């Protein structure tokens, strides 16, 4: 795709489209093929059908893929990488996806899972009752979620107070159903990961008992 049309009548574009050129072309460049001889103003009017409307008549919430954050109400479009600070990721078909922050929780859950396995490797699948009682008591700090039975995604959704956006469904061979996840307080995730580490250390101590 050639972007030389942006240079042909730059002053007209700036005047008529008020700085929305770059973001719009970035968003559409994967889908539109424009020729070098395309009139730049006509191209922008085609890609921005509401560009000549007053600003108050533009309603970004109606854009396909855009949804309001349930915390701050700012428009989010995860598919276009347009998100507010509360956006956490997507939940689809039982898994948390598109989330950098989930990786920190998932790593902590994996470490806890490894320590839990060490406990059973040390004491067998039927450990002494006193040790099993202490094991279960340690996991009460995370509402009984246990990596022996629960995935990281299941644990996260059960332990962290996440808001979610509207359900989105796709059809076809790769059909799926899911929704966006939003976290009001980032410190809640940090505190949860710290709790997982506390539980892991308690279980680790039981491995040497």
Protein backbone atom coordinates (compact mmCIF):
# COMPACT_ATOMS: atom_id res chain seq x y z
CA UNK A 1 0.00 0.00 0.00
CA UNK A 2 1.29 3.45 -0.87
CA UNK A 3 0.82 6.28 1.60
CA UNK A 4 2.10 9.00 -0.74
CA UNK A 5 -1.48 10.28 -1.04
CA UNK A 6 -1.07 11.68 2.46
CA UNK A 7 1.54 14.10 1.14
CA UNK A 8 -0.37 15.34 -1.92
CA UNK A 9 -2.66 17.76 -0.17
CA UNK A 10 -1.45 17.73 3.38
CA UNK A 11 -2.82 21.15 4.26
CA UNK A 12 -6.30 20.21 3.03
CA UNK A 13 -6.23 17.00 5.03
CA UNK A 14 -5.20 18.77 8.21
CA UNK A 15 -7.92 21.33 7.77
CA UNK A 16 -10.77 19.02 6.84
CA UNK A 17 -10.02 15.99 8.96
CA UNK A 18 -8.55 17.55 12.08
CA UNK A 19 -5.62 15.25 12.81
CA UNK A 20 -7.46 11.95 12.48
CA UNK A 21 -5.54 10.88 9.39
CA UNK A 22 -2.69 8.91 10.94
CA UNK A 23 -4.77 6.84 13.36
CA UNK A 24 -7.39 6.02 10.77
CA UNK A 25 -4.93 4.95 8.10
CA UNK A 26 -2.97 2.87 10.61
CA UNK A 27 -6.15 1.09 11.55
CA UNK A 28 -7.25 0.45 7.96
CA UNK A 29 -3.94 -0.13 6.19
CA UNK A 30 -4.24 -3.90 6.50
CA UNK A 31 -7.62 -3.89 4.77
CA UNK A 32 -7.52 -1.19 2.09
CA UNK A 33 -5.47 -0.96 -1.07
CA UNK A 34 -5.22 2.62 -2.35
CA UNK A 35 -3.56 3.66 -5.62
CA UNK A 36 -1.02 6.44 -5.93
CA UNK A 37 -3.35 8.43 -8.16
CA UNK A 38 -6.26 8.32 -5.70
CA UNK A 39 -7.44 11.76 -4.72
CA UNK A 40 -6.43 12.14 -1.08
CA UNK A 41 -9.52 14.02 0.04
CA UNK A 42 -11.87 11.54 -1.64
CA UNK A 43 -9.96 8.67 -0.05
CA UNK A 44 -10.33 10.18 3.39
CA UNK A 45 -14.03 10.81 2.84
CA UNK A 46 -14.39 7.16 1.86
CA UNK A 47 -12.54 5.90 4.93
CA UNK A 48 -14.06 8.50 7.25
CA UNK A 49 -17.74 8.69 6.30
CA UNK A 50 -18.46 10.84 9.35
CA UNK A 51 -15.46 13.14 8.90
CA UNK A 52 -17.54 16.10 7.76
CA UNK A 53 -20.06 15.76 10.60
CA UNK A 54 -19.79 17.94 13.71
CA UNK A 55 -17.70 16.34 16.42
CA UNK A 56 -20.69 15.77 18.71
CA UNK A 57 -22.36 13.65 16.03
CA UNK A 58 -19.48 11.17 15.90
CA UNK A 59 -20.23 8.25 18.20
CA UNK A 60 -17.19 6.02 18.65
CA UNK A 61 -19.19 3.55 20.77
CA UNK A 62 -21.03 2.56 17.57
CA UNK A 63 -17.81 1.61 15.78
CA UNK A 64 -17.50 -2.10 15.16
CA UNK A 65 -15.43 -3.75 17.90
CA UNK A 66 -15.58 -0.72 20.20
CA UNK A 67 -16.98 -0.98 23.73
CA UNK A 68 -16.98 1.30 26.79
CA UNK A 69 -14.78 0.41 29.74
CA UNK A 70 -17.10 -0.57 32.62
CA UNK A 71 -14.78 1.27 35.02
CA UNK A 72 -14.01 4.62 33.34
CA UNK A 73 -16.34 4.43 30.30
CA UNK A 74 -13.56 5.26 27.84
CA UNK A 75 -13.97 3.57 24.43
CA UNK A 76 -11.90 0.44 23.94
CA UNK A 77 -11.24 -1.57 20.79
CA UNK A 78 -8.94 -4.45 21.77
CA UNK A 79 -8.74 -5.77 18.21
CA UNK A 80 -7.23 -2.44 17.13
CA UNK A 81 -4.99 -2.22 20.23
CA UNK A 82 -6.96 0.79 21.51
CA UNK A 83 -7.45 0.23 25.23
CA UNK A 84 -7.59 2.20 28.47
CA UNK A 85 -5.50 1.49 31.57
CA UNK A 86 -8.20 -0.77 33.04
CA UNK A 87 -8.18 -3.22 30.14
CA UNK A 88 -6.85 -6.58 31.33
CA UNK A 89 -7.34 -8.96 28.42
CA UNK A 90 -9.88 -11.22 26.77
CA UNK A 91 -11.65 -14.29 28.08
CA UNK A 92 -12.48 -16.77 25.33
CA UNK A 93 -13.44 -20.44 25.44
CA UNK A 94 -12.32 -20.87 29.02
CA UNK A 95 -8.96 -19.13 28.70
CA UNK A 96 -7.60 -15.64 29.38
CA UNK A 97 -5.87 -14.35 26.22
CA UNK A 98 -4.41 -11.09 24.86
CA UNK A 99 -3.11 -10.18 28.31
CA UNK A 100 0.44 -9.28 29.28
CA UNK A 101 -0.62 -8.87 32.90
CA UNK A 102 -2.05 -12.38 33.03
CA UNK A 103 1.44 -13.75 32.38
CA UNK A 104 2.60 -12.58 35.82
CA UNK A 105 -0.27 -14.38 37.51
CA UNK A 106 0.19 -17.46 35.32
CA UNK A 107 3.89 -17.66 36.23
CA UNK A 108 3.05 -17.46 39.94
CA UNK A 109 0.38 -20.13 39.51
CA UNK A 110 2.87 -22.38 37.70
CA UNK A 111 5.38 -22.01 40.55
CA UNK A 112 2.66 -22.90 43.03
CA UNK A 113 1.70 -25.89 40.88
CA UNK A 114 5.30 -27.13 40.86
CA UNK A 115 5.53 -26.84 44.65
CA UNK A 116 2.19 -28.63 45.02
CA UNK A 117 3.55 -31.47 42.90
CA UNK A 118 6.65 -31.59 45.11
CA UNK A 119 4.37 -32.01 48.13
CA UNK A 120 2.69 -35.08 46.63
CA UNK A 121 5.99 -36.45 45.32
CA UNK A 122 7.37 -36.25 48.86
CA UNK A 123 4.38 -37.55 50.81
CA UNK A 124 2.50 -39.59 48.20
CA UNK A 125 -1.04 -39.18 46.94
CA UNK A 126 -2.30 -39.98 50.45
CA UNK A 127 -0.16 -37.85 52.76
CA UNK A 128 -0.54 -38.02 56.55
CA UNK A 129 -3.77 -36.39 57.72
CA UNK A 130 -2.00 -33.61 59.65
CA UNK A 131 0.00 -32.59 56.58
CA UNK A 132 -3.04 -32.77 54.32
CA UNK A 133 -4.94 -30.56 56.76
CA UNK A 134 -2.13 -27.98 56.72
CA UNK A 135 -2.02 -28.19 52.92
CA UNK A 136 -5.72 -27.44 52.61
CA UNK A 137 -5.48 -24.67 55.22
CA UNK A 138 -2.73 -22.96 53.22
CA UNK A 139 -4.95 -22.93 50.13
CA UNK A 140 -7.78 -21.24 52.03
CA UNK A 141 -5.83 -18.01 51.45
CA UNK A 142 -6.73 -18.42 47.78
CA UNK A 143 -10.31 -19.57 48.39
CA UNK A 144 -9.43 -23.22 47.97
CA UNK A 145 -8.27 -22.92 44.38
CA UNK A 146 -5.63 -25.58 43.80
CA UNK A 147 -3.36 -26.03 40.76
CA UNK A 148 -4.02 -29.75 41.09
CA UNK A 149 -7.61 -29.09 39.98
CA UNK A 150 -7.83 -25.57 38.53
CA UNK A 151 -6.15 -23.84 35.59
CA UNK A 152 -4.54 -20.42 35.92
CA UNK A 153 -7.45 -18.87 34.02
CA UNK A 154 -10.02 -20.46 36.33
CA UNK A 155 -8.12 -19.32 39.40
CA UNK A 156 -7.71 -15.77 38.13
CA UNK A 157 -11.41 -15.34 37.37
CA UNK A 158 -12.33 -16.77 40.76
CA UNK A 159 -9.84 -14.74 42.78
CA UNK A 160 -9.65 -11.37 41.05
CA UNK A 161 -12.54 -8.91 40.89
CA UNK A 162 -12.69 -8.35 37.14
CA UNK A 163 -15.35 -6.44 35.21
CA UNK A 164 -16.21 -7.64 31.74
CA UNK A 165 -17.46 -6.18 28.50
CA UNK A 166 -20.28 -7.44 26.28
CA UNK A 167 -20.14 -10.99 24.97
CA UNK A 168 -18.71 -11.30 21.46
CA UNK A 169 -19.39 -14.34 19.31
CA UNK A 170 -17.73 -15.38 16.05
CA UNK A 171 -19.07 -17.91 13.58
CA UNK A 172 -17.46 -20.30 11.14
CA UNK A 173 -14.75 -22.92 11.53
CA UNK A 174 -13.03 -20.89 14.27
CA UNK A 175 -16.22 -19.91 16.07
CA UNK A 176 -15.83 -18.81 19.67
CA UNK A 177 -17.47 -16.77 22.39
CA UNK A 178 -15.82 -14.41 24.83
CA UNK A 179 -15.60 -10.95 26.38
CA UNK A 180 -13.09 -8.33 27.42
CA UNK A 181 -11.82 -8.19 31.00
CA UNK A 182 -11.22 -4.98 32.97
CA UNK A 183 -9.48 -4.44 36.31
CA UNK A 184 -10.32 -1.34 38.34
CA UNK A 185 -7.27 -1.47 40.67
CA UNK A 186 -3.95 -2.72 39.36
CA UNK A 187 -2.73 -3.27 42.94
CA UNK A 188 -5.34 -6.01 43.38
CA UNK A 189 -3.38 -8.18 40.95
CA UNK A 190 -0.08 -7.47 42.73
CA UNK A 191 -1.61 -8.42 46.08
CA UNK A 192 -3.05 -11.62 44.65
CA UNK A 193 0.31 -12.68 43.21
CA UNK A 194 1.88 -11.99 46.63
CA UNK A 195 -0.74 -14.25 48.25
CA UNK A 196 0.12 -17.04 45.84
CA UNK A 197 3.77 -16.75 46.80
CA UNK A 198 2.85 -16.91 50.51
CA UNK A 199 0.88 -20.10 49.91
CA UNK A 200 3.73 -21.55 47.86
CA UNK A 201 6.21 -20.96 50.69
CA UNK A 202 3.87 -22.62 53.19
CA UNK A 203 3.47 -25.67 50.95
CA UNK A 204 7.22 -25.75 50.35
CA UNK A 205 7.78 -25.92 54.12
CA UNK A 206 5.43 -28.93 54.28
CA UNK A 207 7.57 -30.74 51.73
CA UNK A 208 10.37 -30.99 54.30
CA UNK A 209 8.11 -31.91 57.25
